[in-house]
Amino acid sequence: MFNILQFDIEEFLKQNKKTIMAIEGRAASGKTTLANFLGKKYNATIFHIDDFFLPIKLQTPKRLSKAGENIDHERFLYEILLPIKNGET
């Protein structure tokens, strides 16, 4: 399985394409280990969504009533997504 992933990554790199990869899985399934391995192997920048949990002061019952709203989406947008889109990272 990992060999297929590695092949796909290397194919993207041959085309000089910037690649954004998301790793999803259950708690303690090895996501961070895999991300760290790939980051070192391919000199990639790693972003952890855990770093963008919503601060307590913004955790309102209304916001937390929806799935996925425990993430500070606004901060993630401005600190990660827009800089990537604008070629700043």
PDB file of N, CA and C in Angstrom:
ATOM      1  N   MET A   1       0.825  -1.201   0.000  1.00  0.00           N
ATOM      2  CA  MET A   1       0.000   0.000   0.000  1.00  0.00           C
ATOM      3  C   MET A   1       0.864   1.258   0.000  1.00  0.00           C
ATOM      4  N   PHE A   2       1.876   1.272   0.893  1.00  0.00           N
ATOM      5  CA  PHE A   2       2.725   2.457   0.956  1.00  0.00           C
ATOM      6  C   PHE A   2       3.507   2.645  -0.334  1.00  0.00           C
ATOM      7  N   ASN A   3       3.893   1.562  -0.983  1.00  0.00           N
ATOM      8  CA  ASN A   3       4.623   1.686  -2.245  1.00  0.00           C
ATOM      9  C   ASN A   3       3.783   2.388  -3.307  1.00  0.00           C
ATOM     10  N   ILE A   4       2.477   2.129  -3.320  1.00  0.00           N
ATOM     11  CA  ILE A   4       1.585   2.801  -4.272  1.00  0.00           C
ATOM     12  C   ILE A   4       1.530   4.288  -3.969  1.00  0.00           C
ATOM     13  N   LEU A   5       1.391   4.629  -2.695  1.00  0.00           N
ATOM     14  CA  LEU A   5       1.372   6.035  -2.284  1.00  0.00           C
ATOM     15  C   LEU A   5       2.678   6.725  -2.663  1.00  0.00           C
ATOM     16  N   GLN A   6       3.785   6.069  -2.378  1.00  0.00           N
ATOM     17  CA  GLN A   6       5.093   6.631  -2.695  1.00  0.00           C
ATOM     18  C   GLN A   6       5.238   6.832  -4.202  1.00  0.00           C
ATOM     19  N   PHE A   7       4.788   5.884  -4.998  1.00  0.00           N
ATOM     20  CA  PHE A   7       4.840   6.009  -6.452  1.00  0.00           C
ATOM     21  C   PHE A   7       4.027   7.215  -6.912  1.00  0.00           C
ATOM     22  N   ASP A   8       2.809   7.358  -6.375  1.00  0.00           N
ATOM     23  CA  ASP A   8       1.955   8.490  -6.758  1.00  0.00           C
ATOM     24  C   ASP A   8       2.601   9.824  -6.403  1.00  0.00           C
ATOM     25  N   ILE A   9       3.177   9.923  -5.225  1.00  0.00           N
ATOM     26  CA  ILE A   9       3.842  11.162  -4.811  1.00  0.00           C
ATOM     27  C   ILE A   9       4.992  11.470  -5.755  1.00  0.00           C
ATOM     28  N   GLU A  10       5.788  10.477  -6.059  1.00  0.00           N
ATOM     29  CA  GLU A  10       6.942  10.699  -6.931  1.00  0.00           C
ATOM     30  C   GLU A  10       6.521  11.075  -8.343  1.00  0.00           C
ATOM     31  N   GLU A  11       5.395  10.565  -8.809  1.00  0.00           N
ATOM     32  CA  GLU A  11       4.880  10.969 -10.123  1.00  0.00           C
ATOM     33  C   GLU A  11       4.499  12.448 -10.127  1.00  0.00           C
ATOM     34  N   PHE A  12       3.866  12.915  -9.061  1.00  0.00           N
ATOM     35  CA  PHE A  12       3.539  14.339  -8.952  1.00  0.00           C
ATOM     36  C   PHE A  12       4.807  15.176  -8.930  1.00  0.00           C
ATOM     37  N   LEU A  13       5.804  14.726  -8.185  1.00  0.00           N
ATOM     38  CA  LEU A  13       7.045  15.494  -8.072  1.00  0.00           C
ATOM     39  C   LEU A  13       7.780  15.577  -9.405  1.00  0.00           C
ATOM     40  N   LYS A  14       7.709  14.528 -10.215  1.00  0.00           N
ATOM     41  CA  LYS A  14       8.338  14.553 -11.538  1.00  0.00           C
ATOM     42  C   LYS A  14       7.722  15.630 -12.422  1.00  0.00           C
ATOM     43  N   GLN A  15       6.451  15.925 -12.190  1.00  0.00           N
ATOM     44  CA  GLN A  15       5.746  16.932 -12.987  1.00  0.00           C
ATOM     45  C   GLN A  15       5.904  18.336 -12.403  1.00  0.00           C
ATOM     46  N   ASN A  16       6.724  18.455 -11.366  1.00  0.00           N
ATOM     47  CA  ASN A  16       6.941  19.740 -10.693  1.00  0.00           C
ATOM     48  C   ASN A  16       5.633  20.387 -10.248  1.00  0.00           C
ATOM     49  N   LYS A  17       4.703  19.573  -9.813  1.00  0.00           N
ATOM     50  CA  LYS A  17       3.426  20.087  -9.330  1.00  0.00           C
ATOM     51  C   LYS A  17       3.465  20.212  -7.814  1.00  0.00           C
ATOM     52  N   LYS A  18       2.929  21.315  -7.330  1.00  0.00           N
ATOM     53  CA  LYS A  18       2.733  21.413  -5.888  1.00  0.00           C
ATOM     54  C   LYS A  18       1.608  20.466  -5.531  1.00  0.00           C
ATOM     55  N   THR A  19       1.767  19.781  -4.445  1.00  0.00           N
ATOM     56  CA  THR A  19       0.791  18.788  -4.043  1.00  0.00           C
ATOM     57  C   THR A  19       0.360  19.034  -2.610  1.00  0.00           C
ATOM     58  N   ILE A  20      -0.924  18.999  -2.384  1.00  0.00           N
ATOM     59  CA  ILE A  20      -1.460  19.065  -1.030  1.00  0.00           C
ATOM     60  C   ILE A  20      -2.076  17.710  -0.734  1.00  0.00           C
ATOM     61  N   MET A  21      -1.649  17.133   0.362  1.00  0.00           N
ATOM     62  CA  MET A  21      -2.125  15.810   0.733  1.00  0.00           C
ATOM     63  C   MET A  21      -2.757  15.892   2.118  1.00  0.00           C
ATOM     64  N   ALA A  22      -3.886  15.282   2.286  1.00  0.00           N
ATOM     65  CA  ALA A  22      -4.530  15.190   3.599  1.00  0.00           C
ATOM     66  C   ALA A  22      -4.473  13.742   4.059  1.00  0.00           C
ATOM     67  N   ILE A  23      -4.173  13.566   5.320  1.00  0.00           N
ATOM     68  CA  ILE A  23      -4.136  12.229   5.906  1.00  0.00           C
ATOM     69  C   ILE A  23      -5.229  12.176   6.963  1.00  0.00           C
ATOM     70  N   GLU A  24      -6.127  11.236   6.816  1.00  0.00           N
ATOM     71  CA  GLU A  24      -7.276  11.119   7.724  1.00  0.00           C
ATOM     72  C   GLU A  24      -7.280   9.736   8.336  1.00  0.00           C
ATOM     73  N   GLY A  25      -7.698   9.654   9.574  1.00  0.00           N
ATOM     74  CA  GLY A  25      -7.808   8.354  10.217  1.00  0.00           C
ATOM     75  C   GLY A  25      -8.216   8.484  11.669  1.00  0.00           C
ATOM     76  N   ARG A  26      -8.456   7.363  12.276  1.00  0.00           N
ATOM     77  CA  ARG A  26      -8.859   7.322  13.684  1.00  0.00           C
ATOM     78  C   ARG A  26      -7.698   7.735  14.585  1.00  0.00           C
ATOM     79  N   ALA A  27      -8.017   8.016  15.830  1.00  0.00           N
ATOM     80  CA  ALA A  27      -6.993   8.351  16.821  1.00  0.00           C
ATOM     81  C   ALA A  27      -5.987   7.208  16.932  1.00  0.00           C
ATOM     82  N   ALA A  28      -4.730   7.571  17.030  1.00  0.00           N
ATOM     83  CA  ALA A  28      -3.631   6.614  17.220  1.00  0.00           C
ATOM     84  C   ALA A  28      -3.481   5.629  16.066  1.00  0.00           C
ATOM     85  N   SER A  29      -3.884   6.027  14.860  1.00  0.00           N
ATOM     86  CA  SER A  29      -3.779   5.128  13.706  1.00  0.00           C
ATOM     87  C   SER A  29      -2.477   5.304  12.928  1.00  0.00           C
ATOM     88  N   GLY A  30      -1.646   6.280  13.333  1.00  0.00           N
ATOM     89  CA  GLY A  30      -0.362   6.478  12.667  1.00  0.00           C
ATOM     90  C   GLY A  30      -0.317   7.657  11.718  1.00  0.00           C
ATOM     91  N   LYS A  31      -1.302   8.532  11.776  1.00  0.00           N
ATOM     92  CA  LYS A  31      -1.348   9.693  10.868  1.00  0.00           C
ATOM     93  C   LYS A  31      -0.119  10.583  11.030  1.00  0.00           C
ATOM     94  N   THR A  32       0.215  10.909  12.264  1.00  0.00           N
ATOM     95  CA  THR A  32       1.356  11.789  12.515  1.00  0.00           C
ATOM     96  C   THR A  32       2.654  11.111  12.116  1.00  0.00           C
ATOM     97  N   THR A  33       2.779   9.831  12.404  1.00  0.00           N
ATOM     98  CA  THR A  33       3.982   9.087  12.015  1.00  0.00           C
ATOM     99  C   THR A  33       4.150   9.104  10.501  1.00  0.00           C
ATOM    100  N   LEU A  34       3.077   8.842   9.775  1.00  0.00           N
ATOM    101  CA  LEU A  34       3.129   8.866   8.312  1.00  0.00           C
ATOM    102  C   LEU A  34       3.454  10.265   7.806  1.00  0.00           C
ATOM    103  N   ALA A  35       2.800  11.276   8.364  1.00  0.00           N
ATOM    104  CA  ALA A  35       3.053  12.659   7.936  1.00  0.00           C
ATOM    105  C   ALA A  35       4.504  13.045   8.179  1.00  0.00           C
ATOM    106  N   ASN A  36       5.037  12.702   9.339  1.00  0.00           N
ATOM    107  CA  ASN A  36       6.430  13.033   9.640  1.00  0.00           C
ATOM    108  C   ASN A  36       7.392  12.315   8.702  1.00  0.00           C
ATOM    109  N   PHE A  37       7.111  11.054   8.396  1.00  0.00           N
ATOM    110  CA  PHE A  37       7.943  10.298   7.461  1.00  0.00           C
ATOM    111  C   PHE A  37       7.941  10.952   6.081  1.00  0.00           C
ATOM    112  N   LEU A  38       6.737  11.261   5.581  1.00  0.00           N
ATOM    113  CA  LEU A  38       6.631  11.881   4.258  1.00  0.00           C
ATOM    114  C   LEU A  38       7.256  13.272   4.247  1.00  0.00           C
ATOM    115  N   GLY A  39       7.087  14.002   5.332  1.00  0.00           N
ATOM    116  CA  GLY A  39       7.679  15.331   5.425  1.00  0.00           C
ATOM    117  C   GLY A  39       9.194  15.288   5.312  1.00  0.00           C
ATOM    118  N   LYS A  40       9.804  14.333   6.005  1.00  0.00           N
ATOM    119  CA  LYS A  40      11.269  14.198   5.945  1.00  0.00           C
ATOM    120  C   LYS A  40      11.714  13.690   4.576  1.00  0.00           C
ATOM    121  N   LYS A  41      11.033  12.690   4.072  1.00  0.00           N
ATOM    122  CA  LYS A  41      11.435  12.086   2.793  1.00  0.00           C
ATOM    123  C   LYS A  41      11.331  13.064   1.630  1.00  0.00           C
ATOM    124  N   TYR A  42      10.278  13.890   1.633  1.00  0.00           N
ATOM    125  CA  TYR A  42      10.024  14.775   0.496  1.00  0.00           C
ATOM    126  C   TYR A  42      10.214  16.256   0.826  1.00  0.00           C
ATOM    127  N   ASN A  43      10.828  16.539   1.972  1.00  0.00           N
ATOM    128  CA  ASN A  43      11.060  17.927   2.383  1.00  0.00           C
ATOM    129  C   ASN A  43       9.755  18.729   2.314  1.00  0.00           C
ATOM    130  N   ALA A  44       8.712  18.157   2.882  1.00  0.00           N
ATOM    131  CA  ALA A  44       7.376  18.752   2.820  1.00  0.00           C
ATOM    132  C   ALA A  44       7.047  19.493   4.106  1.00  0.00           C
ATOM    133  N   THR A  45       6.203  20.472   3.978  1.00  0.00           N
ATOM    134  CA  THR A  45       5.685  21.188   5.133  1.00  0.00           C
ATOM    135  C   THR A  45       4.465  20.436   5.648  1.00  0.00           C
ATOM    136  N   ILE A  46       4.419  20.236   6.946  1.00  0.00           N
ATOM    137  CA  ILE A  46       3.322  19.501   7.567  1.00  0.00           C
ATOM    138  C   ILE A  46       2.482  20.467   8.393  1.00  0.00           C
ATOM    139  N   PHE A  47       1.181  20.425   8.206  1.00  0.00           N
ATOM    140  CA  PHE A  47       0.238  21.198   9.010  1.00  0.00           C
ATOM    141  C   PHE A  47      -0.648  20.206   9.750  1.00  0.00           C
ATOM    142  N   HIS A  48      -0.807  20.414  11.033  1.00  0.00           N
ATOM    143  CA  HIS A  48      -1.669  19.550  11.843  1.00  0.00           C
ATOM    144  C   HIS A  48      -2.944  20.303  12.175  1.00  0.00           C
ATOM    145  N   ILE A  49      -4.080  19.740  11.844  1.00  0.00           N
ATOM    146  CA  ILE A  49      -5.349  20.402  12.134  1.00  0.00           C
ATOM    147  C   ILE A  49      -5.551  20.537  13.641  1.00  0.00           C
ATOM    148  N   ASP A  50      -4.904  19.681  14.425  1.00  0.00           N
ATOM    149  CA  ASP A  50      -4.989  19.799  15.887  1.00  0.00           C
ATOM    150  C   ASP A  50      -4.505  21.163  16.372  1.00  0.00           C
ATOM    151  N   ASP A  51      -3.636  21.786  15.601  1.00  0.00           N
ATOM    152  CA  ASP A  51      -3.128  23.116  15.965  1.00  0.00           C
ATOM    153  C   ASP A  51      -4.172  24.203  15.749  1.00  0.00           C
ATOM    154  N   PHE A  52      -5.304  23.839  15.176  1.00  0.00           N
ATOM    155  CA  PHE A  52      -6.337  24.819  14.846  1.00  0.00           C
ATOM    156  C   PHE A  52      -7.662  24.532  15.551  1.00  0.00           C
ATOM    157  N   PHE A  53      -7.589  23.839  16.692  1.00  0.00           N
ATOM    158  CA  PHE A  53      -8.817  23.653  17.465  1.00  0.00           C
ATOM    159  C   PHE A  53      -9.331  25.011  17.907  1.00  0.00           C
ATOM    160  N   LEU A  54     -10.611  25.139  17.963  1.00  0.00           N
ATOM    161  CA  LEU A  54     -11.275  26.386  18.321  1.00  0.00           C
ATOM    162  C   LEU A  54     -10.942  26.760  19.766  1.00  0.00           C
ATOM    163  N   PRO A  55     -10.492  28.007  20.001  1.00  0.00           N
ATOM    164  CA  PRO A  55     -10.227  28.436  21.377  1.00  0.00           C
ATOM    165  C   PRO A  55     -11.510  28.365  22.215  1.00  0.00           C
ATOM    166  N   ILE A  56     -11.353  28.128  23.486  1.00  0.00           N
ATOM    167  CA  ILE A  56     -12.503  27.976  24.384  1.00  0.00           C
ATOM    168  C   ILE A  56     -13.449  29.161  24.285  1.00  0.00           C
ATOM    169  N   LYS A  57     -12.914  30.365  24.174  1.00  0.00           N
ATOM    170  CA  LYS A  57     -13.778  31.554  24.141  1.00  0.00           C
ATOM    171  C   LYS A  57     -14.694  31.585  22.911  1.00  0.00           C
ATOM    172  N   LEU A  58     -14.347  30.824  21.858  1.00  0.00           N
ATOM    173  CA  LEU A  58     -15.176  30.779  20.648  1.00  0.00           C
ATOM    174  C   LEU A  58     -16.067  29.535  20.582  1.00  0.00           C
ATOM    175  N   GLN A  59     -15.964  28.672  21.580  1.00  0.00           N
ATOM    176  CA  GLN A  59     -16.736  27.428  21.581  1.00  0.00           C
ATOM    177  C   GLN A  59     -18.144  27.673  22.125  1.00  0.00           C
ATOM    178  N   THR A  60     -19.008  28.146  21.274  1.00  0.00           N
ATOM    179  CA  THR A  60     -20.396  28.381  21.675  1.00  0.00           C
ATOM    180  C   THR A  60     -21.224  27.126  21.408  1.00  0.00           C
ATOM    181  N   PRO A  61     -22.305  26.938  22.154  1.00  0.00           N
ATOM    182  CA  PRO A  61     -23.164  25.767  21.894  1.00  0.00           C
ATOM    183  C   PRO A  61     -23.656  25.713  20.448  1.00  0.00           C
ATOM    184  N   LYS A  62     -23.992  26.862  19.881  1.00  0.00           N
ATOM    185  CA  LYS A  62     -24.471  26.893  18.495  1.00  0.00           C
ATOM    186  C   LYS A  62     -23.394  26.381  17.543  1.00  0.00           C
ATOM    187  N   ARG A  63     -22.181  26.886  17.711  1.00  0.00           N
ATOM    188  CA  ARG A  63     -21.104  26.480  16.805  1.00  0.00           C
ATOM    189  C   ARG A  63     -20.768  25.003  16.988  1.00  0.00           C
ATOM    190  N   LEU A  64     -20.681  24.567  18.218  1.00  0.00           N
ATOM    191  CA  LEU A  64     -20.289  23.183  18.478  1.00  0.00           C
ATOM    192  C   LEU A  64     -21.401  22.181  18.184  1.00  0.00           C
ATOM    193  N   SER A  65     -22.589  22.657  17.873  1.00  0.00           N
ATOM    194  CA  SER A  65     -23.693  21.747  17.556  1.00  0.00           C
ATOM    195  C   SER A  65     -23.548  21.130  16.170  1.00  0.00           C
ATOM    196  N   LYS A  66     -22.634  21.664  15.367  1.00  0.00           N
ATOM    197  CA  LYS A  66     -22.418  21.147  14.010  1.00  0.00           C
ATOM    198  C   LYS A  66     -21.113  20.350  13.954  1.00  0.00           C
ATOM    199  N   ALA A  67     -21.123  19.265  13.218  1.00  0.00           N
ATOM    200  CA  ALA A  67     -19.925  18.440  13.058  1.00  0.00           C
ATOM    201  C   ALA A  67     -18.801  19.251  12.427  1.00  0.00           C
ATOM    202  N   GLY A  68     -17.604  19.101  12.957  1.00  0.00           N
ATOM    203  CA  GLY A  68     -16.430  19.759  12.392  1.00  0.00           C
ATOM    204  C   GLY A  68     -16.243  21.203  12.798  1.00  0.00           C
ATOM    205  N   GLU A  69     -17.137  21.720  13.606  1.00  0.00           N
ATOM    206  CA  GLU A  69     -17.046  23.137  13.976  1.00  0.00           C
ATOM    207  C   GLU A  69     -16.205  23.378  15.219  1.00  0.00           C
ATOM    208  N   ASN A  70     -15.474  22.360  15.660  1.00  0.00           N
ATOM    209  CA  ASN A  70     -14.527  22.561  16.749  1.00  0.00           C
ATOM    210  C   ASN A  70     -13.173  23.033  16.217  1.00  0.00           C
ATOM    211  N   ILE A  71     -13.114  23.313  14.923  1.00  0.00           N
ATOM    212  CA  ILE A  71     -11.904  23.805  14.262  1.00  0.00           C
ATOM    213  C   ILE A  71     -12.069  25.289  13.969  1.00  0.00           C
ATOM    214  N   ASP A  72     -11.005  26.043  14.182  1.00  0.00           N
ATOM    215  CA  ASP A  72     -11.013  27.473  13.869  1.00  0.00           C
ATOM    216  C   ASP A  72     -10.773  27.623  12.365  1.00  0.00           C
ATOM    217  N   HIS A  73     -11.838  27.479  11.592  1.00  0.00           N
ATOM    218  CA  HIS A  73     -11.749  27.506  10.128  1.00  0.00           C
ATOM    219  C   HIS A  73     -11.214  28.840   9.617  1.00  0.00           C
ATOM    220  N   GLU A  74     -11.594  29.913  10.257  1.00  0.00           N
ATOM    221  CA  GLU A  74     -11.150  31.236   9.814  1.00  0.00           C
ATOM    222  C   GLU A  74      -9.630  31.358   9.940  1.00  0.00           C
ATOM    223  N   ARG A  75      -9.099  30.944  11.090  1.00  0.00           N
ATOM    224  CA  ARG A  75      -7.650  31.005  11.300  1.00  0.00           C
ATOM    225  C   ARG A  75      -6.922  30.090  10.319  1.00  0.00           C
ATOM    226  N   PHE A  76      -7.458  28.888  10.087  1.00  0.00           N
ATOM    227  CA  PHE A  76      -6.852  27.953   9.140  1.00  0.00           C
ATOM    228  C   PHE A  76      -6.838  28.549   7.734  1.00  0.00           C
ATOM    229  N   LEU A  77      -7.914  29.212   7.367  1.00  0.00           N
ATOM    230  CA  LEU A  77      -7.997  29.860   6.058  1.00  0.00           C
ATOM    231  C   LEU A  77      -6.898  30.903   5.900  1.00  0.00           C
ATOM    232  N   TYR A  78      -6.786  31.796   6.875  1.00  0.00           N
ATOM    233  CA  TYR A  78      -5.851  32.915   6.748  1.00  0.00           C
ATOM    234  C   TYR A  78      -4.396  32.534   6.993  1.00  0.00           C
ATOM    235  N   GLU A  79      -4.149  31.543   7.835  1.00  0.00           N
ATOM    236  CA  GLU A  79      -2.771  31.168   8.142  1.00  0.00           C
ATOM    237  C   GLU A  79      -2.210  30.089   7.226  1.00  0.00           C
ATOM    238  N   ILE A  80      -3.078  29.274   6.636  1.00  0.00           N
ATOM    239  CA  ILE A  80      -2.606  28.146   5.831  1.00  0.00           C
ATOM    240  C   ILE A  80      -3.105  28.202   4.388  1.00  0.00           C
ATOM    241  N   LEU A  81      -4.410  28.176   4.196  1.00  0.00           N
ATOM    242  CA  LEU A  81      -4.953  28.028   2.840  1.00  0.00           C
ATOM    243  C   LEU A  81      -4.667  29.215   1.929  1.00  0.00           C
ATOM    244  N   LEU A  82      -4.911  30.426   2.394  1.00  0.00           N
ATOM    245  CA  LEU A  82      -4.663  31.588   1.526  1.00  0.00           C
ATOM    246  C   LEU A  82      -3.184  31.758   1.188  1.00  0.00           C
ATOM    247  N   PRO A  83      -2.257  31.596   2.151  1.00  0.00           N
ATOM    248  CA  PRO A  83      -0.843  31.658   1.767  1.00  0.00           C
ATOM    249  C   PRO A  83      -0.450  30.596   0.736  1.00  0.00           C
ATOM    250  N   ILE A  84      -1.019  29.397   0.844  1.00  0.00           N
ATOM    251  CA  ILE A  84      -0.739  28.365  -0.165  1.00  0.00           C
ATOM    252  C   ILE A  84      -1.279  28.816  -1.516  1.00  0.00           C
ATOM    253  N   LYS A  85      -2.514  29.282  -1.530  1.00  0.00           N
ATOM    254  CA  LYS A  85      -3.137  29.737  -2.781  1.00  0.00           C
ATOM    255  C   LYS A  85      -2.336  30.858  -3.432  1.00  0.00           C
ATOM    256  N   ASN A  86      -1.791  31.753  -2.604  1.00  0.00           N
ATOM    257  CA  ASN A  86      -1.047  32.904  -3.114  1.00  0.00           C
ATOM    258  C   ASN A  86       0.433  32.613  -3.354  1.00  0.00           C
ATOM    259  N   GLY A  87       0.837  31.342  -3.228  1.00  0.00           N
ATOM    260  CA  GLY A  87       2.220  30.961  -3.491  1.00  0.00           C
ATOM    261  C   GLY A  87       3.202  31.430  -2.446  1.00  0.00           C
ATOM    262  N   GLU A  88       2.731  31.709  -1.243  1.00  0.00           N
ATOM    263  CA  GLU A  88       3.599  32.220  -0.180  1.00  0.00           C
ATOM    264  C   GLU A  88       4.236  31.108   0.647  1.00  0.00           C
ATOM    265  N   THR A  89       3.877  29.888   0.381  1.00  0.00           N
ATOM    266  CA  THR A  89       4.461  28.776   1.130  1.00  0.00           C
ATOM    267  C   THR A  89       4.709  27.597   0.211  1.00  0.00           C
TER     268      THR A  89
END
